[in-house]
Amino acid sequence: MTDSPHASRLPHTDNPAALAKPGGHYSHVAVANGFVFVSGQLPINAQGEKLADGSFDAQAEQVLANVKAALESVGSSVAQLVQVRVYVVDVEHWASFNQIYAGWAGEARPARSVVPVPQLHYGFKIEVEAVAVV
């Protein structure tokens, strides 16, 4: 298989300085074939402070700021989003998230899923992962 024209096209991974160091064996961002894959972002600021005690809105704003920082670290942007997946502990937060997200995304309207889940790491209320183009 090493004769394949795609054999040397390994993904580029990055952990931007604007984000806290990953808590596990993964990278915040992977770029492959013109696509940017942003790992699930939690409400953790660049200094590593976990906002688990913060309101849902504060957590959502931090998570979206993290997604934006991840995108921009590899030359992409919110306008270049293709898909966004949102995991919320309580689906009752959907309306609030939708309003915060609309202000953050502006004119961008990528495909999006909002998935209610029973729990997230550290008692967080939201996690967001995304796919964009470079």
Protein backbone atom coordinates (compact mmCIF):
# COMPACT_ATOMS: atom_id res chain seq x y z
CA MET A 1 0.00 0.00 0.00
CA THR A 2 2.97 2.37 0.27
CA ASP A 3 2.70 2.95 -3.49
CA SER A 4 -0.58 4.77 -2.95
CA PRO A 5 -0.53 8.50 -3.79
CA HIS A 6 -2.12 9.05 -0.39
CA ALA A 7 0.50 7.16 1.65
CA SER A 8 2.52 10.27 2.52
CA ARG A 9 -0.52 12.38 3.35
CA LEU A 10 -0.55 11.89 7.09
CA PRO A 11 -2.76 14.17 9.16
CA HIS A 12 -1.20 17.18 10.85
CA THR A 13 -2.14 17.51 14.51
CA ASP A 14 -1.87 20.54 16.77
CA ASN A 15 -2.48 21.65 20.34
CA PRO A 16 -2.77 25.45 20.15
CA ALA A 17 -1.32 27.55 22.97
CA ALA A 18 -4.72 29.26 23.28
CA LEU A 19 -6.16 26.00 24.63
CA ALA A 20 -5.32 24.05 27.76
CA LYS A 21 -3.17 20.96 27.27
CA PRO A 22 -5.35 17.96 26.30
CA GLY A 23 -6.30 15.79 29.26
CA GLY A 24 -5.81 12.53 27.38
CA HIS A 25 -4.01 10.89 24.47
CA TYR A 26 -5.37 13.09 21.67
CA SER A 27 -4.84 16.42 19.91
CA HIS A 28 -7.22 19.36 19.92
CA VAL A 29 -6.96 19.72 16.14
CA ALA A 30 -6.21 17.40 13.22
CA VAL A 31 -5.94 18.58 9.62
CA ALA A 32 -6.24 16.11 6.74
CA ASN A 33 -7.05 16.56 3.05
CA GLY A 34 -8.21 20.14 3.54
CA PHE A 35 -10.48 19.32 6.47
CA VAL A 36 -10.04 20.49 10.06
CA PHE A 37 -11.28 18.19 12.82
CA VAL A 38 -11.69 19.82 16.23
CA SER A 39 -11.82 17.41 19.17
CA GLY A 40 -14.65 17.76 21.63
CA GLN A 41 -14.08 21.04 23.47
CA LEU A 42 -15.06 21.35 27.10
CA PRO A 43 -15.49 24.52 29.17
CA ILE A 44 -11.84 24.73 30.20
CA ASN A 45 -9.98 28.00 29.69
CA ALA A 46 -6.42 28.38 28.35
CA GLN A 47 -5.02 28.29 31.89
CA GLY A 48 -6.64 24.89 32.47
CA GLU A 49 -9.37 26.21 34.77
CA LYS A 50 -12.45 23.96 34.61
CA LEU A 51 -15.69 25.95 34.57
CA ALA A 52 -17.84 23.08 35.89
CA ASP A 53 -19.46 25.36 38.48
CA GLY A 54 -20.26 28.03 35.89
CA SER A 55 -23.70 28.58 34.41
CA PHE A 56 -24.66 26.76 31.23
CA ASP A 57 -24.31 30.02 29.27
CA ALA A 58 -20.80 30.66 30.62
CA GLN A 59 -19.80 27.10 29.77
CA ALA A 60 -21.24 27.38 26.26
CA GLU A 61 -19.42 30.65 25.60
CA GLN A 62 -16.09 29.15 26.75
CA VAL A 63 -16.57 26.03 24.63
CA LEU A 64 -17.34 28.08 21.52
CA ALA A 65 -14.34 30.34 22.19
CA ASN A 66 -12.23 27.17 22.36
CA VAL A 67 -13.62 25.90 19.04
CA LYS A 68 -12.87 29.26 17.40
CA ALA A 69 -9.31 29.28 18.80
CA ALA A 70 -8.75 25.73 17.54
CA LEU A 71 -9.97 26.62 14.06
CA GLU A 72 -7.93 29.81 13.84
CA SER A 73 -4.77 28.02 15.01
CA VAL A 74 -4.66 26.12 11.72
CA GLY A 75 -5.86 28.90 9.42
CA SER A 76 -9.57 28.11 9.42
CA SER A 77 -12.51 30.03 10.88
CA VAL A 78 -16.10 29.81 12.05
CA ALA A 79 -17.17 30.80 8.51
CA GLN A 80 -15.49 27.63 7.20
CA LEU A 81 -17.35 25.21 9.47
CA VAL A 82 -18.93 22.19 7.78
CA GLN A 83 -20.43 20.36 10.76
CA VAL A 84 -20.83 20.95 14.49
CA ARG A 85 -21.83 18.36 17.10
CA VAL A 86 -23.08 19.58 20.46
CA TYR A 87 -23.51 17.35 23.50
CA VAL A 88 -25.65 18.79 26.32
CA VAL A 89 -26.46 17.21 29.66
CA ASP A 90 -29.96 18.69 29.70
CA VAL A 91 -31.83 19.22 26.43
CA GLU A 92 -33.67 22.06 28.18
CA HIS A 93 -30.51 24.11 27.46
CA TRP A 94 -31.12 23.82 23.70
CA ALA A 95 -32.86 27.21 23.30
CA SER A 96 -30.20 29.03 25.30
CA PHE A 97 -27.42 27.32 23.38
CA ASN A 98 -29.08 28.05 20.05
CA GLN A 99 -29.17 31.78 20.86
CA ILE A 100 -25.52 31.86 22.01
CA TYR A 101 -24.47 29.79 18.99
CA ALA A 102 -26.31 32.04 16.52
CA GLY A 103 -24.47 35.08 17.87
CA TRP A 104 -21.16 33.24 17.71
CA ALA A 105 -21.64 31.68 14.25
CA GLY A 106 -23.08 34.78 12.60
CA GLU A 107 -23.89 34.07 8.95
CA ALA A 108 -22.32 30.58 9.07
CA ARG A 109 -24.92 27.82 9.16
CA PRO A 110 -23.03 24.51 9.08
CA ALA A 111 -24.77 21.18 9.58
CA ARG A 112 -25.35 20.72 13.31
CA SER A 113 -26.54 18.12 15.78
CA VAL A 114 -27.51 18.71 19.41
CA VAL A 115 -27.38 15.47 21.36
CA PRO A 116 -28.64 15.11 24.94
CA VAL A 117 -26.33 12.94 27.05
CA PRO A 118 -26.60 11.71 30.66
CA GLN A 119 -23.29 13.23 31.80
CA LEU A 120 -19.97 14.72 30.69
CA HIS A 121 -16.47 14.83 32.22
CA TYR A 122 -16.06 16.81 35.46
CA GLY A 123 -19.78 17.57 35.65
CA PHE A 124 -19.70 19.86 32.61
CA LYS A 125 -22.98 20.75 30.93
CA ILE A 126 -21.75 20.98 27.30
CA GLU A 127 -19.14 19.66 24.86
CA VAL A 128 -18.73 20.69 21.21
CA GLU A 129 -16.76 19.11 18.37
CA ALA A 130 -16.51 20.45 14.84
CA VAL A 131 -15.36 19.85 11.27
CA ALA A 132 -14.32 22.70 8.99
CA VAL A 133 -12.31 23.29 5.82
CA VAL A 134 -9.00 25.10 5.63
